[in-house]
């Protein structure tokens, strides 16, 4: 019996079929700068508009969806995790004040099921549409023997651009500045190893359980895609606001991420009762008996982006966020390290920098 690639576990024809199925979704994301059609060895993106900029700076971000994908496997629902993959990358670009230009995805799977791969890419394309970013290319790699047939791993990479003078660096943050939080859609894409342990998520039945406090099943709540804040940040910029600092609250929660935008000797004082915390976090904490510090050190706790602004810009920011369809709250202020007293710093904070966060 002759041996071929298919008998070894890689179905080339399935790969061709996947590409054909996903083309309809990819086309919806194409910007005018995209050159050529689909199927080339590389994606081409014109820099003509960037050349018109005064001092353009390229920004990049890469990330994946993590163990949230396990829920997609159990529910056999694959059209939302792509939004998560895009969000995790483009939000990082937006944090620096940038405009995401294009995105590339990478899917490693145990077995290429064309309809499943197309559903994943449908989600990626939807995320790109929400971010006004072109899905410029991608790769689907079949890994028989390395991954189970019914599993995959999804990651992505975003490239954006910003005028150097418009970069959000945090260097001008000072005591007295105001902190604005943009609401998250829930757990987003971080902390799912703890989530899965708390609820013992090992079957579809666990995810299909309805919780009155959530107003939905556990699976519906947890698979809610990560918010994409590109339009909100653009709306705030177009309102004439100079955002001083921006933190994407991802893995490591408040303690890890918010201090990353702070200059030395400043502290972000967050008022925990200043905004509504989504019910999923209360359910998580109660079910798992999780300490409050661990909650804020793991999850976004209802705040996806935290902005530092001049207090005079408060109403402009709140209005601009609302125009973009996002809920925004005044969640705290910047104080000096001397005024703050004892503070807590995340793992990215250098020793001796005297910056961190206080939850009050």
Protein backbone atom coordinates (compact mmCIF):
# COMPACT_ATOMS: atom_id res chain seq x y z
CA UNK A 1 0.00 0.00 0.00
CA UNK A 2 1.43 3.36 -1.05
CA UNK A 3 1.85 5.98 1.63
CA UNK A 4 0.84 9.58 0.95
CA UNK A 5 0.47 12.81 2.97
CA UNK A 6 -3.21 12.18 3.71
CA UNK A 7 -2.52 8.75 5.19
CA UNK A 8 0.03 10.37 7.51
CA UNK A 9 -2.65 12.69 8.86
CA UNK A 10 -2.45 15.83 6.73
CA UNK A 11 -5.35 16.41 4.33
CA UNK A 12 -4.22 18.91 1.71
CA UNK A 13 -7.62 18.90 0.03
CA UNK A 14 -9.24 19.91 3.32
CA UNK A 15 -6.83 22.81 3.45
CA UNK A 16 -7.92 23.97 0.01
CA UNK A 17 -11.55 23.67 1.06
CA UNK A 18 -10.91 25.73 4.21
CA UNK A 19 -9.42 28.55 2.15
CA UNK A 20 -12.39 28.60 -0.19
CA UNK A 21 -14.86 28.72 2.69
CA UNK A 22 -13.08 31.55 4.52
CA UNK A 23 -12.63 33.85 1.50
CA UNK A 24 -16.13 35.32 1.85
CA UNK A 25 -15.28 36.51 5.38
CA UNK A 26 -11.80 37.80 4.62
CA UNK A 27 -13.07 39.98 1.75
CA UNK A 28 -15.22 41.97 4.19
CA UNK A 29 -12.10 43.19 6.02
CA UNK A 30 -10.05 44.47 3.09
CA UNK A 31 -9.01 48.11 3.24
CA UNK A 32 -8.09 50.19 0.16
CA UNK A 33 -4.40 49.80 1.04
CA UNK A 34 -4.50 46.03 0.52
CA UNK A 35 -2.84 45.07 -2.75
CA UNK A 36 -3.52 41.89 -4.73
CA UNK A 37 -5.96 39.13 -3.98
CA UNK A 38 -6.08 36.28 -1.52
CA UNK A 39 -3.80 33.30 -1.76
CA UNK A 40 -0.38 34.88 -2.23
CA UNK A 41 2.69 33.86 -0.27
CA UNK A 42 2.59 37.18 1.57
CA UNK A 43 0.11 39.97 2.10
CA UNK A 44 0.79 43.35 0.51
CA UNK A 45 -0.22 46.63 2.13
CA UNK A 46 0.41 50.03 0.52
CA UNK A 47 2.28 52.60 2.61
CA UNK A 48 1.19 55.57 0.48
CA UNK A 49 -1.02 57.06 3.21
CA UNK A 50 1.61 56.46 5.89
CA UNK A 51 4.14 58.39 3.80
CA UNK A 52 1.88 61.43 4.14
CA UNK A 53 2.27 61.33 7.92
CA UNK A 54 4.72 63.68 9.64
CA UNK A 55 6.61 61.16 11.79
CA UNK A 56 4.90 57.75 11.60
CA UNK A 57 5.67 55.04 14.15
CA UNK A 58 4.71 51.42 13.53
CA UNK A 59 3.12 49.56 16.42
CA UNK A 60 2.66 45.82 16.76
CA UNK A 61 0.89 43.39 19.06
CA UNK A 62 0.65 39.63 19.20
CA UNK A 63 -1.40 37.34 21.43
CA UNK A 64 -3.65 34.32 21.53
CA UNK A 65 -6.93 33.24 23.08
CA UNK A 66 -5.50 30.86 25.69
CA UNK A 67 -7.52 28.20 27.45
CA UNK A 68 -10.79 29.99 26.70
CA UNK A 69 -10.64 27.84 23.57
CA UNK A 70 -11.43 24.80 25.71
CA UNK A 71 -14.96 26.15 26.12
CA UNK A 72 -15.32 26.49 22.37
CA UNK A 73 -14.25 22.84 22.00
CA UNK A 74 -16.83 21.62 24.54
CA UNK A 75 -19.68 23.67 23.07
CA UNK A 76 -18.56 23.07 19.48
CA UNK A 77 -18.93 26.80 18.89
CA UNK A 78 -16.02 28.38 17.05
CA UNK A 79 -17.26 31.70 15.63
CA UNK A 80 -16.39 33.94 18.61
CA UNK A 81 -12.82 33.06 19.62
CA UNK A 82 -11.54 34.78 16.49
CA UNK A 83 -12.91 38.08 17.81
CA UNK A 84 -10.97 37.44 21.02
CA UNK A 85 -7.74 36.86 19.10
CA UNK A 86 -8.10 40.13 17.22
CA UNK A 87 -9.14 42.07 20.32
CA UNK A 88 -6.17 40.97 22.38
CA UNK A 89 -3.82 42.35 19.72
CA UNK A 90 -5.54 45.48 18.41
CA UNK A 91 -6.39 46.74 21.91
CA UNK A 92 -2.67 46.78 22.68
CA UNK A 93 -2.07 48.85 19.55
CA UNK A 94 -4.92 51.21 20.48
CA UNK A 95 -3.39 51.58 23.97
CA UNK A 96 -0.43 53.34 22.38
CA UNK A 97 -2.75 55.65 20.46
CA UNK A 98 -2.41 53.72 17.21
CA UNK A 99 -4.68 52.75 14.36
CA UNK A 100 -4.55 49.01 13.58
CA UNK A 101 -3.83 48.56 9.88
CA UNK A 102 -3.75 44.82 9.30
CA UNK A 103 -3.92 41.51 11.11
CA UNK A 104 -2.60 38.00 10.48
CA UNK A 105 -3.86 34.85 12.18
CA UNK A 106 -2.31 31.46 12.88
CA UNK A 107 -4.38 28.34 13.52
CA UNK A 108 -2.70 25.09 14.54
CA UNK A 109 -5.09 22.14 14.58
CA UNK A 110 -4.99 18.40 15.10
CA UNK A 111 -7.25 17.81 12.12
CA UNK A 112 -8.39 20.28 9.48
CA UNK A 113 -12.18 20.30 9.40
CA UNK A 114 -12.90 22.97 6.78
CA UNK A 115 -16.21 24.13 8.25
CA UNK A 116 -14.65 24.53 11.70
CA UNK A 117 -11.65 26.46 10.35
CA UNK A 118 -13.99 28.69 8.34
CA UNK A 119 -16.04 29.40 11.49
CA UNK A 120 -12.87 30.42 13.35
CA UNK A 121 -11.82 32.73 10.52
CA UNK A 122 -15.35 34.16 10.39
CA UNK A 123 -14.78 35.34 13.96
CA UNK A 124 -11.34 36.69 13.11
CA UNK A 125 -12.85 38.63 10.20
CA UNK A 126 -15.62 40.01 12.42
CA UNK A 127 -12.97 41.22 14.88
CA UNK A 128 -11.08 42.87 12.04
CA UNK A 129 -14.24 44.61 10.85
CA UNK A 130 -14.81 45.93 14.38
CA UNK A 131 -11.22 47.19 14.44
CA UNK A 132 -11.22 48.62 10.89
CA UNK A 133 -8.25 46.35 10.26
CA UNK A 134 -7.56 44.27 7.16
CA UNK A 135 -7.18 40.52 7.55
CA UNK A 136 -4.09 40.46 5.38
CA UNK A 137 -3.12 36.81 5.66
CA UNK A 138 -2.89 33.77 7.85
CA UNK A 139 -1.86 30.17 8.22
CA UNK A 140 -3.69 26.98 9.08
CA UNK A 141 -1.31 24.20 10.11
CA UNK A 142 -2.46 20.62 10.56
CA UNK A 143 -0.48 18.87 13.32
CA UNK A 144 -1.49 15.19 13.49
CA UNK A 145 0.10 13.40 16.42
CA UNK A 146 0.99 16.68 18.10
CA UNK A 147 -2.55 17.87 18.89
CA UNK A 148 -5.84 16.01 19.42
CA UNK A 149 -8.00 15.89 16.29
CA UNK A 150 -10.75 18.04 17.79
CA UNK A 151 -8.53 20.80 19.21
CA UNK A 152 -6.77 23.86 17.84
CA UNK A 153 -4.76 26.85 18.98
CA UNK A 154 -5.45 30.33 17.64
CA UNK A 155 -3.09 33.29 17.77
CA UNK A 156 -2.65 36.51 15.85
CA UNK A 157 -0.50 39.50 15.08
CA UNK A 158 -1.49 43.14 14.49
CA UNK A 159 0.39 46.03 12.92
CA UNK A 160 -0.71 49.63 13.42
CA UNK A 161 0.59 53.16 13.01
CA UNK A 162 0.59 56.40 14.99
CA UNK A 163 2.14 59.84 14.67
CA UNK A 164 5.01 59.99 17.12
CA UNK A 165 3.60 63.15 18.72
CA UNK A 166 0.29 61.35 19.32
CA UNK A 167 1.73 58.28 21.05
CA UNK A 168 0.25 57.49 24.46
CA UNK A 169 3.26 56.88 26.68
CA UNK A 170 2.18 57.73 30.24
CA UNK A 171 5.22 59.95 30.73
CA UNK A 172 3.11 63.06 31.41
CA UNK A 173 0.79 61.48 33.98
CA UNK A 174 0.84 63.46 37.21
CA UNK A 175 -0.98 63.56 40.57
CA UNK A 176 -4.46 64.99 40.14
CA UNK A 177 -5.10 63.28 36.83
CA UNK A 178 -8.34 61.35 36.52
CA UNK A 179 -8.76 57.63 35.77
CA UNK A 180 -11.51 56.57 33.37
CA UNK A 181 -12.47 52.93 32.96
CA UNK A 182 -14.06 51.54 29.80
CA UNK A 183 -16.37 48.64 30.65
CA UNK A 184 -15.41 45.12 29.68
CA UNK A 185 -17.86 42.57 28.27
CA UNK A 186 -16.99 40.08 31.01
CA UNK A 187 -13.97 37.86 31.58
CA UNK A 188 -12.54 38.63 28.10
CA UNK A 189 -9.65 36.22 27.35
CA UNK A 190 -7.62 35.99 30.55
CA UNK A 191 -7.82 33.92 33.71
CA UNK A 192 -9.60 30.96 32.13
CA UNK A 193 -7.38 28.36 33.75
CA UNK A 194 -8.75 29.58 37.09
CA UNK A 195 -12.29 29.90 35.69
CA UNK A 196 -12.21 26.31 34.44
CA UNK A 197 -10.96 25.07 37.81
CA UNK A 198 -13.57 26.99 39.82
CA UNK A 199 -16.51 25.64 37.80
CA UNK A 200 -14.89 22.27 37.05
CA UNK A 201 -15.53 22.82 33.35
CA UNK A 202 -15.02 19.42 31.77
CA UNK A 203 -18.28 18.87 29.90
CA UNK A 204 -20.91 20.64 27.83
CA UNK A 205 -23.45 20.06 30.61
CA UNK A 206 -21.49 22.30 32.98
CA UNK A 207 -21.48 25.11 30.43
CA UNK A 208 -25.18 24.66 29.60
CA UNK A 209 -26.22 25.35 33.20
CA UNK A 210 -28.36 28.48 33.52
CA UNK A 211 -27.55 30.97 36.30
CA UNK A 212 -30.27 33.50 37.23
CA UNK A 213 -27.66 36.05 38.38
CA UNK A 214 -26.07 35.90 34.92
CA UNK A 215 -29.34 35.87 33.00
CA UNK A 216 -27.71 33.30 30.72
CA UNK A 217 -25.93 29.97 30.74
CA UNK A 218 -22.38 29.78 32.02
CA UNK A 219 -21.13 28.98 28.52
CA UNK A 220 -22.92 31.92 26.89
CA UNK A 221 -21.49 34.28 29.50
CA UNK A 222 -17.92 33.00 29.36
CA UNK A 223 -17.74 32.82 25.55
CA UNK A 224 -18.79 36.47 25.23
CA UNK A 225 -16.05 37.96 23.02
CA UNK A 226 -13.47 40.43 24.26
CA UNK A 227 -14.38 44.07 23.69
CA UNK A 228 -12.52 45.85 20.91
CA UNK A 229 -11.81 49.44 21.92
CA UNK A 230 -10.40 50.81 18.65
CA UNK A 231 -13.48 52.89 17.82
CA UNK A 232 -13.74 54.22 21.38
CA UNK A 233 -10.12 55.36 21.41
CA UNK A 234 -10.56 56.96 17.98
CA UNK A 235 -13.72 58.75 19.16
CA UNK A 236 -11.89 60.10 22.22
CA UNK A 237 -9.00 61.30 20.07
CA UNK A 238 -11.35 62.99 17.60
CA UNK A 239 -13.02 64.77 20.54
CA UNK A 240 -9.75 66.61 20.99
CA UNK A 241 -8.67 64.75 24.12
CA UNK A 242 -5.03 63.98 24.77
CA UNK A 243 -5.06 60.67 26.64
CA UNK A 244 -2.03 60.68 28.93
CA UNK A 245 -1.88 56.97 29.69
CA UNK A 246 -3.74 53.82 28.74
CA UNK A 247 -3.70 50.34 30.21
CA UNK A 248 -5.24 47.24 28.60
CA UNK A 249 -6.40 45.18 31.59
CA UNK A 250 -5.50 41.65 30.57
CA UNK A 251 -3.69 38.81 32.36
CA UNK A 252 -2.59 39.99 35.79
CA UNK A 253 -5.66 42.15 36.22
CA UNK A 254 -5.45 45.58 37.86
CA UNK A 255 -2.27 44.99 39.84
CA UNK A 256 -0.19 43.85 36.87
CA UNK A 257 -1.44 46.13 34.12
CA UNK A 258 -2.45 49.54 35.45
CA UNK A 259 0.99 50.33 36.93
CA UNK A 260 2.54 49.68 33.50
CA UNK A 261 1.31 53.07 32.27
CA UNK A 262 2.51 55.02 35.31
CA UNK A 263 5.67 57.12 35.65
CA UNK A 264 7.77 56.68 38.78
CA UNK A 265 6.45 58.01 42.11
CA UNK A 266 2.80 57.94 41.03
CA UNK A 267 0.00 55.69 42.21
CA UNK A 268 -3.31 54.81 40.58
CA UNK A 269 -5.99 54.97 43.28
CA UNK A 270 -9.02 52.95 42.17
CA UNK A 271 -12.41 53.21 43.87
CA UNK A 272 -13.93 49.74 43.73
CA UNK A 273 -17.50 51.00 44.13
CA UNK A 274 -17.23 53.53 41.28
CA UNK A 275 -18.62 51.22 38.61
CA UNK A 276 -20.77 48.07 38.37
CA UNK A 277 -18.77 44.83 38.48
CA UNK A 278 -20.33 42.22 36.14
CA UNK A 279 -22.13 39.38 37.91
CA UNK A 280 -19.78 36.71 36.54
CA UNK A 281 -16.99 37.97 38.79
CA UNK A 282 -19.12 37.77 41.92
CA UNK A 283 -20.18 34.26 40.95
CA UNK A 284 -16.55 33.29 40.36
CA UNK A 285 -15.42 34.67 43.70
CA UNK A 286 -18.27 33.06 45.65
CA UNK A 287 -18.07 29.67 43.94
CA UNK A 288 -14.31 29.40 44.23
CA UNK A 289 -13.89 31.11 47.59
CA UNK A 290 -11.35 33.37 45.92
CA UNK A 291 -9.64 36.16 47.87
CA UNK A 292 -10.42 39.66 46.61
CA UNK A 293 -6.76 40.41 45.91
CA UNK A 294 -6.54 37.33 43.71
CA UNK A 295 -9.63 38.46 41.79
CA UNK A 296 -8.11 41.88 41.02
CA UNK A 297 -4.74 40.29 40.32
CA UNK A 298 -6.22 37.84 37.77
CA UNK A 299 -9.29 39.33 36.09
CA UNK A 300 -10.30 42.65 34.53
CA UNK A 301 -13.16 42.93 37.05
CA UNK A 302 -15.32 44.78 34.54
CA UNK A 303 -12.77 47.32 33.24
CA UNK A 304 -11.16 46.52 29.89
CA UNK A 305 -9.22 49.75 29.41
CA UNK A 306 -8.08 52.25 32.04
CA UNK A 307 -7.25 55.77 30.83
CA UNK A 308 -5.42 58.58 32.60
CA UNK A 309 -6.67 62.02 31.53
CA UNK A 310 -6.73 65.65 32.58
CA UNK A 311 -9.85 66.13 34.77
CA UNK A 312 -10.92 68.98 32.47
CA UNK A 313 -11.47 66.38 29.71
CA UNK A 314 -13.80 64.21 31.78
CA UNK A 315 -17.07 64.97 29.99
CA UNK A 316 -15.48 64.86 26.54
CA UNK A 317 -14.17 61.36 27.25
CA UNK A 318 -17.44 60.08 28.70
CA UNK A 319 -19.40 61.50 25.76
CA UNK A 320 -16.93 60.20 23.15
CA UNK A 321 -17.01 56.71 24.65
CA UNK A 322 -20.81 56.75 24.61
CA UNK A 323 -20.78 57.86 20.96
CA UNK A 324 -18.66 54.78 20.21
CA UNK A 325 -21.15 52.58 22.06
CA UNK A 326 -19.00 52.01 25.14
CA UNK A 327 -19.76 52.56 28.81
CA UNK A 328 -17.19 54.65 30.67
CA UNK A 329 -16.81 55.44 34.36
CA UNK A 330 -14.68 57.72 36.51
CA UNK A 331 -12.91 55.02 38.53
CA UNK A 332 -10.19 56.88 40.38
CA UNK A 333 -7.32 59.32 40.31
CA UNK A 334 -3.56 59.61 40.26
CA UNK A 335 -1.85 60.47 43.54
CA UNK A 336 1.80 60.86 44.48
CA UNK A 337 3.56 57.89 46.02
CA UNK A 338 4.27 59.99 49.13
CA UNK A 339 0.57 60.75 49.58
CA UNK A 340 -0.53 57.20 48.85
CA UNK A 341 1.41 55.46 51.58
CA UNK A 342 1.52 51.65 51.23
CA UNK A 343 1.06 50.58 47.61
CA UNK A 344 1.05 47.35 45.66
CA UNK A 345 2.98 46.95 42.41
CA UNK A 346 2.60 44.37 39.68
CA UNK A 347 5.20 42.00 38.30
CA UNK A 348 6.19 44.45 35.54
CA UNK A 349 7.10 47.20 38.01
CA UNK A 350 10.81 47.69 38.65
CA UNK A 351 12.00 47.62 42.24
CA UNK A 352 12.50 51.10 43.66
CA UNK A 353 10.24 52.81 41.13
CA UNK A 354 7.65 53.67 43.82
CA UNK A 355 4.68 53.29 41.53
CA UNK A 356 1.71 51.01 41.82
CA UNK A 357 -1.97 50.79 42.62
CA UNK A 358 -4.30 51.24 45.56
CA UNK A 359 -7.81 49.79 45.70
CA UNK A 360 -10.08 51.67 48.09
